[in-house]
N, C-alpha and C. Protein backbone atom coordinates (compact mmCIF):
# COMPACT_ATOMS: atom_id res chain seq x y z
N MET A 1 219.08 -53.42 -59.09
CA MET A 1 218.36 -52.19 -59.44
C MET A 1 218.15 -52.14 -60.95
N ASP A 2 217.08 -51.52 -61.33
CA ASP A 2 216.78 -51.38 -62.75
C ASP A 2 216.02 -50.08 -62.98
N ASP A 3 215.61 -49.85 -64.22
CA ASP A 3 214.92 -48.60 -64.55
C ASP A 3 213.41 -48.69 -64.40
N LYS A 4 212.92 -49.72 -63.80
CA LYS A 4 211.48 -49.85 -63.61
C LYS A 4 211.02 -48.84 -62.57
N ILE A 5 209.76 -48.47 -62.69
CA ILE A 5 209.16 -47.52 -61.75
C ILE A 5 208.17 -48.31 -60.89
N TYR A 6 208.23 -48.08 -59.59
CA TYR A 6 207.36 -48.78 -58.65
C TYR A 6 206.50 -47.77 -57.90
N TYR A 7 205.25 -48.12 -57.72
CA TYR A 7 204.31 -47.29 -56.98
C TYR A 7 203.87 -48.01 -55.73
N LEU A 8 203.65 -47.24 -54.68
CA LEU A 8 203.10 -47.76 -53.43
C LEU A 8 201.72 -47.15 -53.27
N ILE A 9 200.72 -48.02 -53.24
CA ILE A 9 199.34 -47.54 -53.13
C ILE A 9 198.68 -48.08 -51.87
N GLY A 10 197.81 -47.26 -51.30
CA GLY A 10 197.02 -47.67 -50.15
C GLY A 10 195.71 -48.24 -50.63
N LEU A 11 195.38 -49.44 -50.15
CA LEU A 11 194.14 -50.11 -50.53
C LEU A 11 193.12 -49.97 -49.41
N PHE A 12 191.86 -49.97 -49.78
CA PHE A 12 190.76 -49.71 -48.84
C PHE A 12 190.03 -50.98 -48.44
N ASP A 13 189.23 -50.83 -47.39
CA ASP A 13 188.33 -51.89 -46.98
C ASP A 13 187.24 -52.06 -48.05
N GLU A 14 186.52 -53.15 -47.99
CA GLU A 14 185.52 -53.47 -49.03
C GLU A 14 184.39 -52.45 -49.10
N VAL A 15 183.95 -51.92 -47.98
CA VAL A 15 182.86 -50.94 -47.98
C VAL A 15 183.30 -49.67 -48.72
N THR A 16 184.51 -49.23 -48.48
CA THR A 16 185.04 -48.05 -49.17
C THR A 16 185.17 -48.33 -50.66
N ASN A 17 185.70 -49.51 -51.01
CA ASN A 17 185.81 -49.88 -52.42
C ASN A 17 184.44 -49.82 -53.09
N GLU A 18 183.43 -50.32 -52.43
CA GLU A 18 182.08 -50.34 -53.01
C GLU A 18 181.56 -48.91 -53.22
N GLN A 19 181.81 -48.03 -52.26
CA GLN A 19 181.37 -46.63 -52.40
C GLN A 19 181.99 -46.00 -53.65
N ILE A 20 183.27 -46.21 -53.83
CA ILE A 20 183.98 -45.64 -54.98
C ILE A 20 183.54 -46.31 -56.27
N GLN A 21 183.37 -47.62 -56.24
CA GLN A 21 182.93 -48.34 -57.44
C GLN A 21 181.51 -47.93 -57.85
N ASN A 22 180.67 -47.55 -56.90
CA ASN A 22 179.34 -47.05 -57.23
C ASN A 22 179.43 -45.79 -58.09
N ILE A 23 180.37 -44.92 -57.76
CA ILE A 23 180.58 -43.71 -58.57
C ILE A 23 181.08 -44.08 -59.97
N HIS A 24 181.99 -45.06 -60.03
CA HIS A 24 182.48 -45.53 -61.34
C HIS A 24 181.32 -46.08 -62.18
N ARG A 25 180.41 -46.81 -61.54
CA ARG A 25 179.26 -47.35 -62.28
C ARG A 25 178.38 -46.23 -62.82
N GLU A 26 178.18 -45.20 -62.01
CA GLU A 26 177.39 -44.05 -62.47
C GLU A 26 178.06 -43.37 -63.66
N LEU A 27 179.38 -43.23 -63.60
CA LEU A 27 180.12 -42.65 -64.72
C LEU A 27 179.93 -43.51 -65.96
N SER A 28 180.04 -44.81 -65.80
CA SER A 28 179.86 -45.73 -66.92
C SER A 28 178.44 -45.63 -67.48
N ASN A 29 177.45 -45.53 -66.61
CA ASN A 29 176.05 -45.39 -67.04
C ASN A 29 175.84 -44.14 -67.88
N HIS A 30 176.66 -43.11 -67.63
CA HIS A 30 176.58 -41.86 -68.39
C HIS A 30 177.62 -41.80 -69.50
N GLU A 31 178.23 -42.96 -69.79
CA GLU A 31 179.22 -43.10 -70.86
C GLU A 31 180.42 -42.16 -70.69
N VAL A 32 180.83 -42.00 -69.44
CA VAL A 32 182.04 -41.24 -69.14
C VAL A 32 183.12 -42.26 -68.77
N PRO A 33 184.24 -42.28 -69.48
CA PRO A 33 185.30 -43.25 -69.17
C PRO A 33 185.93 -42.93 -67.81
N SER A 34 186.02 -43.95 -66.96
CA SER A 34 186.61 -43.73 -65.64
C SER A 34 187.81 -44.63 -65.45
N SER A 35 188.57 -44.36 -64.42
CA SER A 35 189.78 -45.11 -64.13
C SER A 35 189.45 -46.58 -63.93
N SER A 36 190.25 -47.44 -64.53
CA SER A 36 190.00 -48.88 -64.42
C SER A 36 190.82 -49.52 -63.29
N MET A 37 191.67 -48.76 -62.66
CA MET A 37 192.47 -49.31 -61.56
C MET A 37 191.61 -49.49 -60.33
N CYS A 38 192.04 -50.37 -59.45
CA CYS A 38 191.31 -50.54 -58.20
C CYS A 38 191.38 -49.23 -57.41
N PRO A 39 190.35 -48.93 -56.61
CA PRO A 39 190.39 -47.71 -55.81
C PRO A 39 191.61 -47.70 -54.88
N HIS A 40 192.29 -46.56 -54.82
CA HIS A 40 193.50 -46.47 -54.01
C HIS A 40 193.93 -45.02 -53.81
N LEU A 41 194.86 -44.83 -52.87
CA LEU A 41 195.61 -43.58 -52.71
C LEU A 41 197.06 -43.93 -53.00
N THR A 42 197.75 -43.12 -53.77
CA THR A 42 199.16 -43.36 -54.05
C THR A 42 200.01 -42.67 -52.97
N PHE A 43 200.89 -43.45 -52.35
CA PHE A 43 201.76 -42.93 -51.30
C PHE A 43 203.17 -42.61 -51.79
N GLY A 44 203.61 -43.24 -52.87
CA GLY A 44 204.97 -42.98 -53.32
C GLY A 44 205.28 -43.65 -54.63
N SER A 45 206.40 -43.24 -55.22
CA SER A 45 206.89 -43.80 -56.47
C SER A 45 208.41 -43.74 -56.45
N TRP A 46 209.03 -44.86 -56.87
CA TRP A 46 210.48 -44.94 -56.86
C TRP A 46 211.00 -45.53 -58.15
N THR A 47 212.19 -45.09 -58.56
CA THR A 47 212.88 -45.58 -59.75
C THR A 47 214.30 -45.96 -59.34
N ASN A 48 214.85 -46.99 -59.96
CA ASN A 48 216.24 -47.40 -59.69
C ASN A 48 216.48 -47.67 -58.21
N VAL A 49 215.53 -48.32 -57.57
CA VAL A 49 215.63 -48.61 -56.15
C VAL A 49 215.87 -50.11 -55.96
N ASP A 50 216.59 -50.46 -54.91
CA ASP A 50 216.78 -51.86 -54.56
C ASP A 50 215.47 -52.36 -53.94
N LEU A 51 214.76 -53.23 -54.66
CA LEU A 51 213.45 -53.69 -54.20
C LEU A 51 213.50 -54.40 -52.85
N ASN A 52 214.55 -55.18 -52.62
CA ASN A 52 214.65 -55.89 -51.34
C ASN A 52 214.75 -54.91 -50.18
N LEU A 53 215.59 -53.88 -50.34
CA LEU A 53 215.73 -52.90 -49.28
C LEU A 53 214.45 -52.09 -49.08
N LEU A 54 213.81 -51.71 -50.19
CA LEU A 54 212.56 -50.96 -50.10
C LEU A 54 211.48 -51.80 -49.41
N CYS A 55 211.36 -53.06 -49.80
CA CYS A 55 210.35 -53.94 -49.18
C CYS A 55 210.63 -54.13 -47.69
N HIS A 56 211.89 -54.31 -47.34
CA HIS A 56 212.23 -54.45 -45.92
C HIS A 56 211.82 -53.19 -45.15
N TRP A 57 212.10 -52.02 -45.71
CA TRP A 57 211.72 -50.76 -45.07
C TRP A 57 210.20 -50.66 -44.92
N LEU A 58 209.49 -50.98 -45.97
CA LEU A 58 208.02 -50.88 -45.91
C LEU A 58 207.43 -51.87 -44.91
N GLU A 59 208.03 -53.05 -44.79
CA GLU A 59 207.59 -54.00 -43.75
C GLU A 59 207.76 -53.39 -42.37
N GLU A 60 208.92 -52.75 -42.14
CA GLU A 60 209.17 -52.08 -40.86
C GLU A 60 208.13 -51.00 -40.57
N VAL A 61 207.85 -50.19 -41.57
CA VAL A 61 206.90 -49.09 -41.42
C VAL A 61 205.50 -49.62 -41.11
N CYS A 62 205.12 -50.70 -41.75
CA CYS A 62 203.74 -51.20 -41.64
C CYS A 62 203.50 -52.14 -40.47
N GLU A 63 204.56 -52.74 -39.91
CA GLU A 63 204.36 -53.79 -38.91
C GLU A 63 203.59 -53.34 -37.67
N ASN A 64 203.71 -52.09 -37.28
CA ASN A 64 202.98 -51.60 -36.11
C ASN A 64 201.96 -50.53 -36.46
N GLN A 65 201.70 -50.35 -37.73
CA GLN A 65 200.77 -49.32 -38.17
C GLN A 65 199.35 -49.87 -38.20
N GLU A 66 198.48 -49.22 -37.46
CA GLU A 66 197.07 -49.61 -37.52
C GLU A 66 196.44 -49.10 -38.80
N GLU A 67 195.35 -49.75 -39.18
CA GLU A 67 194.58 -49.29 -40.33
C GLU A 67 194.28 -47.80 -40.14
N ILE A 68 194.23 -47.08 -41.23
CA ILE A 68 194.07 -45.63 -41.17
C ILE A 68 192.64 -45.24 -41.54
N GLN A 69 191.99 -44.58 -40.59
CA GLN A 69 190.65 -44.05 -40.85
C GLN A 69 190.77 -42.96 -41.90
N ILE A 70 189.88 -42.98 -42.87
CA ILE A 70 189.93 -42.00 -43.94
C ILE A 70 188.52 -41.49 -44.20
N ASN A 71 188.41 -40.18 -44.32
CA ASN A 71 187.10 -39.54 -44.53
C ASN A 71 187.10 -38.81 -45.86
N PHE A 72 186.46 -39.40 -46.84
CA PHE A 72 186.34 -38.76 -48.15
C PHE A 72 185.26 -37.69 -48.03
N ASN A 73 185.68 -36.43 -48.12
CA ASN A 73 184.72 -35.36 -47.89
C ASN A 73 184.69 -34.30 -49.00
N HIS A 74 185.49 -34.47 -50.04
CA HIS A 74 185.42 -33.49 -51.12
C HIS A 74 185.92 -34.06 -52.45
N LEU A 75 185.61 -33.32 -53.50
CA LEU A 75 186.01 -33.67 -54.85
C LEU A 75 187.10 -32.72 -55.29
N GLY A 76 187.89 -33.12 -56.27
CA GLY A 76 188.94 -32.24 -56.76
C GLY A 76 189.27 -32.48 -58.21
N LEU A 77 190.09 -31.57 -58.72
CA LEU A 77 190.57 -31.62 -60.10
C LEU A 77 192.07 -31.34 -60.12
N PHE A 78 192.77 -32.03 -61.02
CA PHE A 78 194.12 -31.64 -61.40
C PHE A 78 193.97 -31.09 -62.81
N SER A 79 194.02 -29.77 -62.92
CA SER A 79 193.66 -29.05 -64.15
C SER A 79 192.36 -29.66 -64.66
N LEU A 80 192.22 -29.84 -65.93
CA LEU A 80 191.01 -30.53 -66.44
C LEU A 80 191.40 -31.86 -67.07
N LYS A 81 192.37 -32.54 -66.42
CA LYS A 81 192.82 -33.85 -66.88
C LYS A 81 192.42 -34.98 -65.93
N VAL A 82 192.16 -34.63 -64.65
CA VAL A 82 191.85 -35.64 -63.64
C VAL A 82 190.77 -35.11 -62.71
N SER A 83 189.75 -35.95 -62.48
CA SER A 83 188.79 -35.66 -61.41
C SER A 83 188.96 -36.77 -60.37
N PHE A 84 188.79 -36.39 -59.09
CA PHE A 84 189.08 -37.35 -58.03
C PHE A 84 188.27 -37.08 -56.78
N LEU A 85 188.21 -38.11 -55.91
CA LEU A 85 187.70 -37.98 -54.56
C LEU A 85 188.90 -37.71 -53.66
N ALA A 86 188.73 -36.84 -52.70
CA ALA A 86 189.84 -36.54 -51.80
C ALA A 86 189.39 -36.66 -50.35
N PRO A 87 190.27 -37.21 -49.53
CA PRO A 87 189.94 -37.33 -48.11
C PRO A 87 190.39 -36.09 -47.33
N TYR A 88 189.82 -35.95 -46.16
CA TYR A 88 190.35 -35.01 -45.18
C TYR A 88 191.76 -35.48 -44.89
N VAL A 89 192.71 -34.57 -44.88
CA VAL A 89 194.11 -34.95 -44.65
C VAL A 89 194.37 -34.90 -43.15
N SER A 90 194.20 -36.04 -42.52
CA SER A 90 194.34 -36.15 -41.07
C SER A 90 195.81 -36.20 -40.66
N LYS A 91 196.05 -35.93 -39.41
CA LYS A 91 197.40 -36.02 -38.85
C LYS A 91 197.94 -37.44 -39.01
N GLN A 92 197.09 -38.44 -38.77
CA GLN A 92 197.51 -39.84 -38.90
C GLN A 92 197.94 -40.15 -40.34
N LEU A 93 197.21 -39.64 -41.32
CA LEU A 93 197.53 -39.89 -42.72
C LEU A 93 198.87 -39.24 -43.09
N ILE A 94 199.06 -37.99 -42.69
CA ILE A 94 200.31 -37.28 -42.99
C ILE A 94 201.50 -37.93 -42.28
N GLU A 95 201.33 -38.30 -41.02
CA GLU A 95 202.44 -38.92 -40.28
C GLU A 95 202.84 -40.25 -40.92
N PHE A 96 201.86 -41.02 -41.38
CA PHE A 96 202.15 -42.29 -42.03
C PHE A 96 202.90 -42.05 -43.36
N HIS A 97 202.43 -41.09 -44.14
CA HIS A 97 203.10 -40.74 -45.40
C HIS A 97 204.54 -40.29 -45.12
N ASP A 98 204.71 -39.43 -44.13
CA ASP A 98 206.06 -38.96 -43.78
C ASP A 98 206.96 -40.11 -43.36
N LYS A 99 206.43 -41.05 -42.59
CA LYS A 99 207.22 -42.21 -42.14
C LYS A 99 207.69 -43.03 -43.33
N ILE A 100 206.79 -43.27 -44.29
CA ILE A 100 207.15 -44.03 -45.50
C ILE A 100 208.34 -43.36 -46.19
N HIS A 101 208.34 -42.02 -46.20
CA HIS A 101 209.35 -41.28 -46.95
C HIS A 101 210.57 -40.87 -46.13
N GLU A 102 210.74 -41.45 -44.95
CA GLU A 102 211.96 -41.18 -44.18
C GLU A 102 213.19 -41.74 -44.89
N ARG A 103 212.99 -42.73 -45.73
CA ARG A 103 214.10 -43.33 -46.49
C ARG A 103 213.72 -43.41 -47.96
N PHE A 104 214.70 -43.51 -48.80
CA PHE A 104 214.56 -43.74 -50.25
C PHE A 104 214.01 -42.55 -51.03
N GLU A 105 214.00 -41.37 -50.45
CA GLU A 105 213.54 -40.18 -51.18
C GLU A 105 214.39 -39.92 -52.42
N GLU A 106 215.67 -40.26 -52.36
CA GLU A 106 216.57 -40.00 -53.49
C GLU A 106 216.22 -40.84 -54.72
N TYR A 107 215.36 -41.85 -54.54
CA TYR A 107 214.96 -42.71 -55.65
C TYR A 107 213.58 -42.36 -56.22
N CYS A 108 213.00 -41.29 -55.74
CA CYS A 108 211.65 -40.92 -56.20
C CYS A 108 211.65 -40.34 -57.60
N GLY A 109 212.70 -39.68 -58.00
CA GLY A 109 212.82 -39.17 -59.35
C GLY A 109 211.76 -38.14 -59.71
N GLN A 110 211.77 -37.75 -60.95
CA GLN A 110 210.84 -36.71 -61.41
C GLN A 110 209.39 -37.18 -61.34
N MET A 111 209.14 -38.41 -61.76
CA MET A 111 207.78 -38.93 -61.79
C MET A 111 207.17 -39.05 -60.39
N GLY A 112 208.00 -39.36 -59.41
CA GLY A 112 207.49 -39.55 -58.06
C GLY A 112 207.66 -38.37 -57.14
N TYR A 113 208.20 -37.27 -57.64
CA TYR A 113 208.53 -36.13 -56.77
C TYR A 113 207.32 -35.60 -55.99
N ASN A 114 206.17 -35.46 -56.64
CA ASN A 114 205.01 -34.90 -55.94
C ASN A 114 204.47 -35.80 -54.84
N TYR A 115 204.91 -37.06 -54.81
CA TYR A 115 204.49 -37.97 -53.74
C TYR A 115 205.44 -37.92 -52.54
N THR A 116 206.58 -37.26 -52.69
CA THR A 116 207.57 -37.25 -51.62
C THR A 116 207.15 -36.34 -50.47
N ALA A 117 207.77 -36.58 -49.32
CA ALA A 117 207.55 -35.69 -48.18
C ALA A 117 208.28 -34.37 -48.41
N LYS A 118 209.47 -34.43 -49.02
CA LYS A 118 210.26 -33.20 -49.21
C LYS A 118 209.61 -32.22 -50.17
N SER A 119 208.75 -32.71 -51.08
CA SER A 119 208.10 -31.80 -52.03
C SER A 119 207.04 -30.94 -51.35
N ASN A 120 206.52 -31.44 -50.23
CA ASN A 120 205.43 -30.75 -49.52
C ASN A 120 204.27 -30.47 -50.49
N ASN A 121 204.05 -31.42 -51.41
CA ASN A 121 203.09 -31.22 -52.48
C ASN A 121 202.16 -32.42 -52.67
N TRP A 122 202.21 -33.39 -51.74
CA TRP A 122 201.40 -34.60 -51.88
C TRP A 122 199.92 -34.27 -51.70
N VAL A 123 199.11 -34.70 -52.63
CA VAL A 123 197.66 -34.52 -52.56
C VAL A 123 197.04 -35.93 -52.56
N PRO A 124 196.68 -36.45 -51.39
CA PRO A 124 196.05 -37.77 -51.38
C PRO A 124 194.72 -37.71 -52.12
N HIS A 125 194.51 -38.68 -53.00
CA HIS A 125 193.29 -38.67 -53.82
C HIS A 125 193.04 -40.05 -54.41
N ALA A 126 191.78 -40.30 -54.71
CA ALA A 126 191.37 -41.51 -55.42
C ALA A 126 190.86 -41.06 -56.79
N THR A 127 191.61 -41.36 -57.83
CA THR A 127 191.26 -40.92 -59.19
C THR A 127 189.96 -41.56 -59.64
N LEU A 128 189.11 -40.73 -60.22
CA LEU A 128 187.88 -41.22 -60.83
C LEU A 128 187.99 -41.20 -62.34
N VAL A 129 188.39 -40.05 -62.90
CA VAL A 129 188.53 -39.92 -64.36
C VAL A 129 189.90 -39.32 -64.66
N LEU A 130 190.62 -39.98 -65.55
CA LEU A 130 191.90 -39.50 -66.05
C LEU A 130 191.78 -39.54 -67.56
N ASP A 131 191.51 -38.37 -68.16
CA ASP A 131 191.18 -38.35 -69.57
C ASP A 131 191.33 -36.93 -70.11
N GLU A 132 190.82 -36.74 -71.30
CA GLU A 132 190.82 -35.43 -71.92
C GLU A 132 189.83 -34.50 -71.22
N GLU A 133 190.02 -33.22 -71.43
CA GLU A 133 189.21 -32.19 -70.79
C GLU A 133 187.71 -32.44 -70.94
N GLU A 134 187.28 -32.82 -72.13
CA GLU A 134 185.85 -33.02 -72.38
C GLU A 134 185.27 -34.10 -71.47
N ALA A 135 185.98 -35.21 -71.30
CA ALA A 135 185.51 -36.30 -70.45
C ALA A 135 185.49 -35.88 -68.99
N VAL A 136 186.52 -35.16 -68.57
CA VAL A 136 186.57 -34.70 -67.18
C VAL A 136 185.41 -33.74 -66.91
N LEU A 137 185.16 -32.83 -67.82
CA LEU A 137 184.03 -31.90 -67.64
C LEU A 137 182.69 -32.64 -67.59
N ARG A 138 182.52 -33.65 -68.43
CA ARG A 138 181.28 -34.44 -68.40
C ARG A 138 181.15 -35.24 -67.12
N SER A 139 182.28 -35.56 -66.49
CA SER A 139 182.24 -36.36 -65.25
C SER A 139 181.73 -35.57 -64.05
N LEU A 140 181.94 -34.26 -64.07
CA LEU A 140 181.68 -33.47 -62.86
C LEU A 140 180.23 -33.52 -62.38
N PRO A 141 179.22 -33.30 -63.21
CA PRO A 141 177.86 -33.38 -62.68
C PRO A 141 177.48 -34.79 -62.23
N VAL A 142 178.01 -35.80 -62.91
CA VAL A 142 177.71 -37.18 -62.53
C VAL A 142 178.30 -37.47 -61.15
N ILE A 143 179.56 -37.09 -60.96
CA ILE A 143 180.22 -37.32 -59.66
C ILE A 143 179.52 -36.52 -58.57
N ALA A 144 179.22 -35.27 -58.85
CA ALA A 144 178.56 -34.42 -57.85
C ALA A 144 177.23 -35.01 -57.42
N GLU A 145 176.51 -35.60 -58.33
CA GLU A 145 175.21 -36.22 -58.01
C GLU A 145 175.39 -37.51 -57.22
N ALA A 146 176.40 -38.29 -57.56
CA ALA A 146 176.60 -39.61 -56.94
C ALA A 146 177.35 -39.56 -55.61
N PHE A 147 178.12 -38.50 -55.40
CA PHE A 147 179.01 -38.45 -54.22
C PHE A 147 178.29 -37.93 -52.98
N VAL A 148 178.41 -38.71 -51.92
CA VAL A 148 178.00 -38.30 -50.58
C VAL A 148 179.22 -38.61 -49.70
N PRO A 149 179.68 -37.65 -48.88
CA PRO A 149 180.85 -37.92 -48.04
C PRO A 149 180.70 -39.24 -47.27
N PHE A 150 181.81 -39.96 -47.15
CA PHE A 150 181.80 -41.24 -46.45
C PHE A 150 183.15 -41.51 -45.80
N SER A 151 183.15 -42.45 -44.87
CA SER A 151 184.36 -42.83 -44.16
C SER A 151 184.71 -44.28 -44.48
N GLY A 152 185.98 -44.57 -44.37
CA GLY A 152 186.45 -45.92 -44.59
C GLY A 152 187.82 -46.09 -43.97
N LYS A 153 188.55 -47.10 -44.44
CA LYS A 153 189.87 -47.38 -43.89
C LYS A 153 190.84 -47.79 -44.99
N ILE A 154 192.09 -47.40 -44.80
CA ILE A 154 193.18 -47.98 -45.58
C ILE A 154 193.62 -49.20 -44.79
N THR A 155 193.55 -50.38 -45.42
CA THR A 155 193.82 -51.63 -44.72
C THR A 155 195.15 -52.26 -45.08
N SER A 156 195.72 -51.85 -46.22
CA SER A 156 197.00 -52.42 -46.63
C SER A 156 197.65 -51.50 -47.66
N LEU A 157 198.93 -51.75 -47.89
CA LEU A 157 199.67 -51.07 -48.95
C LEU A 157 200.08 -52.12 -49.97
N LEU A 158 200.16 -51.69 -51.22
CA LEU A 158 200.58 -52.58 -52.28
C LEU A 158 201.69 -51.90 -53.07
N LEU A 159 202.82 -52.58 -53.18
CA LEU A 159 203.91 -52.11 -54.02
C LEU A 159 203.75 -52.80 -55.37
N CYS A 160 203.66 -52.01 -56.42
CA CYS A 160 203.44 -52.59 -57.75
C CYS A 160 204.28 -51.87 -58.80
N GLU A 161 204.44 -52.54 -59.92
CA GLU A 161 205.22 -51.97 -61.02
C GLU A 161 204.34 -51.06 -61.85
N PHE A 162 204.86 -49.89 -62.16
CA PHE A 162 204.14 -48.93 -62.98
C PHE A 162 203.92 -49.50 -64.38
N GLY A 163 202.76 -49.23 -64.94
CA GLY A 163 202.46 -49.67 -66.30
C GLY A 163 201.78 -51.02 -66.34
N THR A 164 202.44 -52.03 -65.76
CA THR A 164 201.88 -53.39 -65.78
C THR A 164 200.95 -53.63 -64.58
N PHE A 165 201.10 -52.84 -63.53
CA PHE A 165 200.38 -53.00 -62.27
C PHE A 165 200.68 -54.36 -61.63
N GLU A 166 201.82 -54.96 -62.03
CA GLU A 166 202.23 -56.24 -61.44
C GLU A 166 202.50 -56.05 -59.96
N GLU A 167 201.90 -56.92 -59.15
CA GLU A 167 202.06 -56.85 -57.70
C GLU A 167 203.46 -57.32 -57.31
N ILE A 168 204.16 -56.48 -56.55
CA ILE A 168 205.48 -56.85 -56.02
C ILE A 168 205.32 -57.42 -54.62
N LYS A 169 204.63 -56.66 -53.76
CA LYS A 169 204.41 -57.12 -52.38
C LYS A 169 203.29 -56.33 -51.75
N LYS A 170 202.50 -57.02 -50.92
CA LYS A 170 201.40 -56.40 -50.19
C LYS A 170 201.77 -56.35 -48.72
N PHE A 171 201.46 -55.22 -48.09
CA PHE A 171 201.78 -55.01 -46.66
C PHE A 171 200.48 -54.72 -45.92
N LYS A 172 200.05 -55.66 -45.10
CA LYS A 172 198.81 -55.47 -44.35
C LYS A 172 199.07 -54.58 -43.14
N LEU A 173 198.10 -53.72 -42.86
CA LEU A 173 198.17 -52.90 -41.65
C LEU A 173 197.43 -53.64 -40.55
N LYS A 174 197.76 -53.33 -39.31
CA LYS A 174 197.11 -53.98 -38.17
C LYS A 174 195.66 -53.51 -38.07
N GLN A 175 194.77 -54.47 -37.80
CA GLN A 175 193.39 -54.09 -37.58
C GLN A 175 193.31 -53.25 -36.31
N SER A 176 192.56 -52.18 -36.39
CA SER A 176 192.43 -51.32 -35.22
C SER A 176 191.54 -52.02 -34.20
N MET A 177 191.74 -51.68 -32.94
CA MET A 177 191.00 -52.29 -31.86
C MET A 177 189.70 -51.55 -31.56
N GLU A 178 189.40 -50.52 -32.36
CA GLU A 178 188.18 -49.76 -32.13
C GLU A 178 186.96 -50.63 -32.40
N VAL A 179 185.91 -50.38 -31.66
CA VAL A 179 184.67 -51.13 -31.84
C VAL A 179 183.74 -50.35 -32.74
């Protein structure tokens, strides 16, 4: 165990990534700085956790989990510091989040508290702009013009180190049998 912080993020299918990246391109065209991270939803954050035990748990959680249908249907703000796309919070999404957090909640710490199940405060979102108030305000009309609700899938989870975004382990979800 160490003092590193680890994040668990949900990654999307390519069509969903392209939809979100189109909005990032529009922001760039309007000279609004946007998030440079790959499109994702953050499911959790842990500090001082045994990585082997956490990875084993996440493998268990993901081994029978089908890809999660996600419907991005609205925009949101965290004060005037972050603008984001937000999905409809489906029962499947909440149940999956809750399952992830059945263990290791005690390692979430202050930074990861809002991602925990016990906080009852998780807001699934894909960050578009994380910046000063002026940039966030400039982003809103651009995002509103570029955004049309769309559906996609979470296809895998990625455990990575905070700050460096170094990949620790990727967990693929089962492809759904839907046609």
